[in-house]
Amino acid sequence: IVCIRRDTIQTREGAKHKLDGHILVTVPHEKFKKGISTKGSNLLISSALVSFFFRETFSRLQLSIEMESKKKSQKPGATVILVTSTTANEGKSTVSANLALAMAQKHNSVMLIDADLRNPTQMRLFGRSAARGNGLTGVLQAEYLDASTVISAAHYDEEKNLITLFNAQPTDPGLR
């Protein structure tokens, strides 16, 4: 583990070697162009400020995931995708948000859940707050969990065709 934490993967081949797995796409590092006001902007594929190449990467990722899931299962149903890493600021939230947006453009039902209770960032990326109540924390603490509890805490963005469930605020780790 120590040698992995010290290494930085810089190429696709390096990632294949280090991770010993199948790579669906490589997401490019995206920066806004100099001289353009980026106040309040985020690296979402719905933004006019991101490059075509960046947008297209998430379309390819969405298609790759769809093809992989068809290979593994012929049964129709929900697919759950988890984006995770061991350290902060590696792009998990940006990748999750953009993948959800790309999938929502192609499919009928996509729900993005920000399950980071200590440092929720999806609300900031999308520039809004949790829908009602305490968001995900309220759902997790509900005495009786049913569809109406989830629906009341979730938010549907008709323009993006995306359902989101965010946490209203960072949660105290000692909260039960």
C-alpha atoms as a PDB file:
ATOM      1  CA  ILE A   1       0.000   0.000   0.000  1.00  0.00           C
ATOM      2  CA  VAL A   2       2.846   2.423   0.762  1.00  0.00           C
ATOM      3  CA  CYS A   3       4.313   2.144  -2.749  1.00  0.00           C
ATOM      4  CA  ILE A   4       0.887   2.697  -4.363  1.00  0.00           C
ATOM      5  CA  ARG A   5       0.262   5.822  -2.293  1.00  0.00           C
ATOM      6  CA  ARG A   6       3.584   7.321  -3.358  1.00  0.00           C
ATOM      7  CA  ASP A   7       3.159   6.605  -7.055  1.00  0.00           C
ATOM      8  CA  THR A   8       1.391   8.918  -9.434  1.00  0.00           C
ATOM      9  CA  ILE A   9      -0.205   7.384 -12.487  1.00  0.00           C
ATOM     10  CA  GLN A  10       0.465   9.581 -15.492  1.00  0.00           C
ATOM     11  CA  THR A  11      -0.455   7.463 -18.507  1.00  0.00           C
ATOM     12  CA  ARG A  12      -3.141   5.006 -19.552  1.00  0.00           C
ATOM     13  CA  GLU A  13      -0.531   2.243 -19.769  1.00  0.00           C
ATOM     14  CA  GLY A  14       0.717   3.135 -16.284  1.00  0.00           C
ATOM     15  CA  ALA A  15      -2.834   2.850 -14.956  1.00  0.00           C
ATOM     16  CA  LYS A  16      -3.329  -0.548 -16.614  1.00  0.00           C
ATOM     17  CA  HIS A  17      -0.079  -1.807 -15.120  1.00  0.00           C
ATOM     18  CA  LYS A  18      -0.679  -0.418 -11.626  1.00  0.00           C
ATOM     19  CA  LEU A  19      -4.377  -1.255 -11.325  1.00  0.00           C
ATOM     20  CA  ASP A  20      -4.375  -4.525 -13.272  1.00  0.00           C
ATOM     21  CA  GLY A  21      -7.840  -3.832 -14.639  1.00  0.00           C
ATOM     22  CA  HIS A  22      -9.869  -2.779 -17.635  1.00  0.00           C
ATOM     23  CA  ILE A  23      -9.944   0.982 -18.297  1.00  0.00           C
ATOM     24  CA  LEU A  24     -13.143   2.261 -19.896  1.00  0.00           C
ATOM     25  CA  VAL A  25     -12.000   5.845 -20.584  1.00  0.00           C
ATOM     26  CA  THR A  26      -9.410   8.320 -19.442  1.00  0.00           C
ATOM     27  CA  VAL A  27     -10.905  11.605 -18.275  1.00  0.00           C
ATOM     28  CA  PRO A  28      -8.734  14.530 -19.366  1.00  0.00           C
ATOM     29  CA  HIS A  29      -7.736  17.266 -16.965  1.00  0.00           C
ATOM     30  CA  GLU A  30      -9.927  20.241 -17.871  1.00  0.00           C
ATOM     31  CA  LYS A  31      -9.137  23.857 -17.148  1.00  0.00           C
ATOM     32  CA  PHE A  32     -11.155  26.889 -18.121  1.00  0.00           C
ATOM     33  CA  LYS A  33      -9.567  29.092 -20.769  1.00  0.00           C
ATOM     34  CA  LYS A  34      -7.694  32.181 -19.584  1.00  0.00           C
ATOM     35  CA  GLY A  35      -9.587  35.431 -19.781  1.00  0.00           C
ATOM     36  CA  ILE A  36     -13.019  33.827 -19.358  1.00  0.00           C
ATOM     37  CA  SER A  37     -14.933  34.628 -16.195  1.00  0.00           C
ATOM     38  CA  THR A  38     -15.548  31.344 -14.381  1.00  0.00           C
ATOM     39  CA  LYS A  39     -17.162  32.742 -11.253  1.00  0.00           C
ATOM     40  CA  GLY A  40     -19.880  30.317 -10.164  1.00  0.00           C
ATOM     41  CA  SER A  41     -18.989  27.846 -12.918  1.00  0.00           C
ATOM     42  CA  ASN A  42     -18.130  24.215 -12.388  1.00  0.00           C
ATOM     43  CA  LEU A  43     -16.706  21.539 -14.603  1.00  0.00           C
ATOM     44  CA  LEU A  44     -20.084  20.088 -15.575  1.00  0.00           C
ATOM     45  CA  ILE A  45     -20.748  18.897 -19.108  1.00  0.00           C
ATOM     46  CA  SER A  46     -23.867  21.065 -19.080  1.00  0.00           C
ATOM     47  CA  SER A  47     -21.648  24.182 -18.886  1.00  0.00           C
ATOM     48  CA  ALA A  48     -20.783  26.048 -22.071  1.00  0.00           C
ATOM     49  CA  LEU A  49     -17.304  26.655 -20.652  1.00  0.00           C
ATOM     50  CA  VAL A  50     -16.066  23.065 -20.869  1.00  0.00           C
ATOM     51  CA  SER A  51     -14.478  21.732 -24.035  1.00  0.00           C
ATOM     52  CA  PHE A  52     -16.129  19.399 -26.510  1.00  0.00           C
ATOM     53  CA  PHE A  53     -13.439  16.789 -25.769  1.00  0.00           C
ATOM     54  CA  PHE A  54     -14.289  16.849 -22.045  1.00  0.00           C
ATOM     55  CA  ARG A  55     -18.031  16.452 -22.796  1.00  0.00           C
ATOM     56  CA  GLU A  56     -17.384  13.669 -25.277  1.00  0.00           C
ATOM     57  CA  THR A  57     -15.276  11.740 -22.738  1.00  0.00           C
ATOM     58  CA  PHE A  58     -18.320  11.372 -20.481  1.00  0.00           C
ATOM     59  CA  SER A  59     -20.511  10.310 -23.407  1.00  0.00           C
ATOM     60  CA  ARG A  60     -17.947   7.600 -24.178  1.00  0.00           C
ATOM     61  CA  LEU A  61     -17.824   6.585 -20.496  1.00  0.00           C
ATOM     62  CA  GLN A  62     -21.618   6.344 -20.377  1.00  0.00           C
ATOM     63  CA  LEU A  63     -21.632   4.179 -23.504  1.00  0.00           C
ATOM     64  CA  SER A  64     -18.787   1.983 -22.184  1.00  0.00           C
ATOM     65  CA  ILE A  65     -20.631   1.373 -18.911  1.00  0.00           C
ATOM     66  CA  GLU A  66     -23.811   0.565 -20.804  1.00  0.00           C
ATOM     67  CA  MET A  67     -21.986  -1.941 -23.032  1.00  0.00           C
ATOM     68  CA  GLU A  68     -20.193  -3.554 -20.067  1.00  0.00           C
ATOM     69  CA  SER A  69     -23.434  -3.945 -18.110  1.00  0.00           C
ATOM     70  CA  LYS A  70     -25.131  -5.553 -21.137  1.00  0.00           C
ATOM     71  CA  LYS A  71     -22.274  -8.062 -21.401  1.00  0.00           C
ATOM     72  CA  LYS A  72     -22.587  -9.073 -17.757  1.00  0.00           C
ATOM     73  CA  SER A  73     -26.340  -9.296 -17.440  1.00  0.00           C
ATOM     74  CA  GLN A  74     -29.245  -9.854 -19.766  1.00  0.00           C
ATOM     75  CA  LYS A  75     -31.718  -8.946 -17.007  1.00  0.00           C
ATOM     76  CA  PRO A  76     -33.252  -5.482 -17.187  1.00  0.00           C
ATOM     77  CA  GLY A  77     -33.077  -3.446 -14.007  1.00  0.00           C
ATOM     78  CA  ALA A  78     -31.183  -0.845 -12.083  1.00  0.00           C
ATOM     79  CA  THR A  79     -27.459  -0.446 -12.358  1.00  0.00           C
ATOM     80  CA  VAL A  80     -25.607   1.016  -9.398  1.00  0.00           C
ATOM     81  CA  ILE A  81     -22.301   2.747 -10.071  1.00  0.00           C
ATOM     82  CA  LEU A  82     -19.991   3.747  -7.242  1.00  0.00           C
ATOM     83  CA  VAL A  83     -17.261   6.321  -7.802  1.00  0.00           C
ATOM     84  CA  THR A  84     -14.688   6.248  -5.024  1.00  0.00           C
ATOM     85  CA  SER A  85     -11.021   6.738  -4.169  1.00  0.00           C
ATOM     86  CA  THR A  86      -8.871   6.790  -1.074  1.00  0.00           C
ATOM     87  CA  THR A  87      -7.957  10.470  -1.010  1.00  0.00           C
ATOM     88  CA  ALA A  88      -9.668  13.830  -1.355  1.00  0.00           C
ATOM     89  CA  ASN A  89      -9.576  16.102  -4.420  1.00  0.00           C
ATOM     90  CA  GLU A  90      -9.098  13.392  -7.024  1.00  0.00           C
ATOM     91  CA  GLY A  91     -12.229  14.289  -9.005  1.00  0.00           C
ATOM     92  CA  LYS A  92     -14.782  11.808  -7.643  1.00  0.00           C
ATOM     93  CA  SER A  93     -17.551  14.400  -7.408  1.00  0.00           C
ATOM     94  CA  THR A  94     -16.837  15.865 -10.835  1.00  0.00           C
ATOM     95  CA  VAL A  95     -16.748  12.428 -12.472  1.00  0.00           C
ATOM     96  CA  SER A  96     -19.925  11.334 -10.657  1.00  0.00           C
ATOM     97  CA  ALA A  97     -21.838  14.480 -11.593  1.00  0.00           C
ATOM     98  CA  ASN A  98     -20.780  14.387 -15.238  1.00  0.00           C
ATOM     99  CA  LEU A  99     -21.425  10.668 -15.615  1.00  0.00           C
ATOM    100  CA  ALA A 100     -24.906  11.158 -14.132  1.00  0.00           C
ATOM    101  CA  LEU A 101     -25.576  14.024 -16.559  1.00  0.00           C
ATOM    102  CA  ALA A 102     -24.349  11.972 -19.530  1.00  0.00           C
ATOM    103  CA  MET A 103     -26.512   9.011 -18.507  1.00  0.00           C
ATOM    104  CA  ALA A 104     -29.541  11.254 -17.906  1.00  0.00           C
ATOM    105  CA  GLN A 105     -29.220  12.517 -21.488  1.00  0.00           C
ATOM    106  CA  LYS A 106     -29.522   8.930 -22.782  1.00  0.00           C
ATOM    107  CA  HIS A 107     -31.843   7.243 -20.278  1.00  0.00           C
ATOM    108  CA  ASN A 108     -35.157   7.817 -18.569  1.00  0.00           C
ATOM    109  CA  SER A 109     -34.191   7.405 -14.915  1.00  0.00           C
ATOM    110  CA  VAL A 110     -30.911   8.500 -13.359  1.00  0.00           C
ATOM    111  CA  MET A 111     -30.446   9.335  -9.695  1.00  0.00           C
ATOM    112  CA  LEU A 112     -27.262  10.899  -8.341  1.00  0.00           C
ATOM    113  CA  ILE A 113     -26.762  10.396  -4.607  1.00  0.00           C
ATOM    114  CA  ASP A 114     -24.009  12.292  -2.803  1.00  0.00           C
ATOM    115  CA  ALA A 115     -23.287   9.803  -0.017  1.00  0.00           C
ATOM    116  CA  ASP A 116     -20.335  11.751   1.373  1.00  0.00           C
ATOM    117  CA  LEU A 117     -21.932  12.757   4.659  1.00  0.00           C
ATOM    118  CA  ARG A 118     -18.902  14.593   6.053  1.00  0.00           C
ATOM    119  CA  ASN A 119     -17.984  16.675   3.017  1.00  0.00           C
ATOM    120  CA  PRO A 120     -20.873  16.774   0.518  1.00  0.00           C
ATOM    121  CA  THR A 121     -19.860  18.596  -2.670  1.00  0.00           C
ATOM    122  CA  GLN A 122     -22.537  17.815  -5.264  1.00  0.00           C
ATOM    123  CA  MET A 123     -24.724  20.680  -4.010  1.00  0.00           C
ATOM    124  CA  ARG A 124     -21.887  23.100  -4.734  1.00  0.00           C
ATOM    125  CA  LEU A 125     -21.237  21.585  -8.155  1.00  0.00           C
ATOM    126  CA  PHE A 126     -24.884  21.928  -9.139  1.00  0.00           C
ATOM    127  CA  GLY A 127     -25.203  25.318  -7.433  1.00  0.00           C
ATOM    128  CA  ARG A 128     -28.135  24.526  -5.187  1.00  0.00           C
ATOM    129  CA  SER A 129     -29.178  23.089  -1.844  1.00  0.00           C
ATOM    130  CA  ALA A 130     -30.786  19.857  -0.752  1.00  0.00           C
ATOM    131  CA  ALA A 131     -34.435  19.612  -1.771  1.00  0.00           C
ATOM    132  CA  ARG A 132     -36.270  19.364   1.545  1.00  0.00           C
ATOM    133  CA  GLY A 133     -35.554  18.401   5.116  1.00  0.00           C
ATOM    134  CA  ASN A 134     -32.088  17.062   5.772  1.00  0.00           C
ATOM    135  CA  GLY A 135     -31.699  15.399   2.402  1.00  0.00           C
ATOM    136  CA  LEU A 136     -29.886  12.075   2.518  1.00  0.00           C
ATOM    137  CA  THR A 137     -29.330  12.281   6.284  1.00  0.00           C
ATOM    138  CA  GLY A 138     -33.092  12.626   6.790  1.00  0.00           C
ATOM    139  CA  VAL A 139     -33.704   9.556   4.635  1.00  0.00           C
ATOM    140  CA  LEU A 140     -31.101   7.520   6.513  1.00  0.00           C
ATOM    141  CA  GLN A 141     -32.509   8.552   9.899  1.00  0.00           C
ATOM    142  CA  ALA A 142     -36.170   7.970   9.016  1.00  0.00           C
ATOM    143  CA  GLU A 143     -37.939   5.546  11.344  1.00  0.00           C
ATOM    144  CA  TYR A 144     -39.931   4.121   8.466  1.00  0.00           C
ATOM    145  CA  LEU A 145     -38.356   4.203   5.026  1.00  0.00           C
ATOM    146  CA  ASP A 146     -40.674   4.161   2.039  1.00  0.00           C
ATOM    147  CA  ALA A 147     -40.724   5.675  -1.434  1.00  0.00           C
ATOM    148  CA  SER A 148     -42.441   8.865  -0.262  1.00  0.00           C
ATOM    149  CA  THR A 149     -39.604   9.558   2.209  1.00  0.00           C
ATOM    150  CA  VAL A 150     -37.020   9.307  -0.574  1.00  0.00           C
ATOM    151  CA  ILE A 151     -39.159  11.287  -3.025  1.00  0.00           C
ATOM    152  CA  SER A 152     -39.641  14.121  -0.545  1.00  0.00           C
ATOM    153  CA  ALA A 153     -35.869  14.403   0.028  1.00  0.00           C
ATOM    154  CA  ALA A 154     -34.898  14.085  -3.653  1.00  0.00           C
ATOM    155  CA  HIS A 155     -34.984  16.769  -6.331  1.00  0.00           C
ATOM    156  CA  TYR A 156     -35.883  16.301 -10.001  1.00  0.00           C
ATOM    157  CA  ASP A 157     -34.282  18.691 -12.488  1.00  0.00           C
ATOM    158  CA  GLU A 158     -36.490  18.517 -15.559  1.00  0.00           C
ATOM    159  CA  GLU A 159     -34.007  20.384 -17.764  1.00  0.00           C
ATOM    160  CA  LYS A 160     -31.231  17.891 -17.011  1.00  0.00           C
ATOM    161  CA  ASN A 161     -33.570  14.878 -16.600  1.00  0.00           C
ATOM    162  CA  LEU A 162     -31.733  14.070 -13.371  1.00  0.00           C
ATOM    163  CA  ILE A 163     -32.918  13.112  -9.897  1.00  0.00           C
ATOM    164  CA  THR A 164     -30.534  14.102  -7.113  1.00  0.00           C
ATOM    165  CA  LEU A 165     -30.373  13.242  -3.445  1.00  0.00           C
ATOM    166  CA  PHE A 166     -27.926  15.448  -1.596  1.00  0.00           C
ATOM    167  CA  ASN A 167     -27.120  15.967   2.041  1.00  0.00           C
ATOM    168  CA  ALA A 168     -28.352  19.282   3.427  1.00  0.00           C
ATOM    169  CA  GLN A 169     -25.124  19.954   5.326  1.00  0.00           C
ATOM    170  CA  PRO A 170     -22.044  18.115   6.573  1.00  0.00           C
ATOM    171  CA  THR A 171     -23.015  15.519   9.159  1.00  0.00           C
ATOM    172  CA  ASP A 172     -21.362  15.093  12.540  1.00  0.00           C
ATOM    173  CA  PRO A 173     -19.540  11.710  12.470  1.00  0.00           C
ATOM    174  CA  GLY A 174     -20.924  10.961  15.949  1.00  0.00           C
ATOM    175  CA  LEU A 175     -24.531  11.365  14.757  1.00  0.00           C
ATOM    176  CA  ARG A 176     -26.638   8.238  15.114  1.00  0.00           C
END
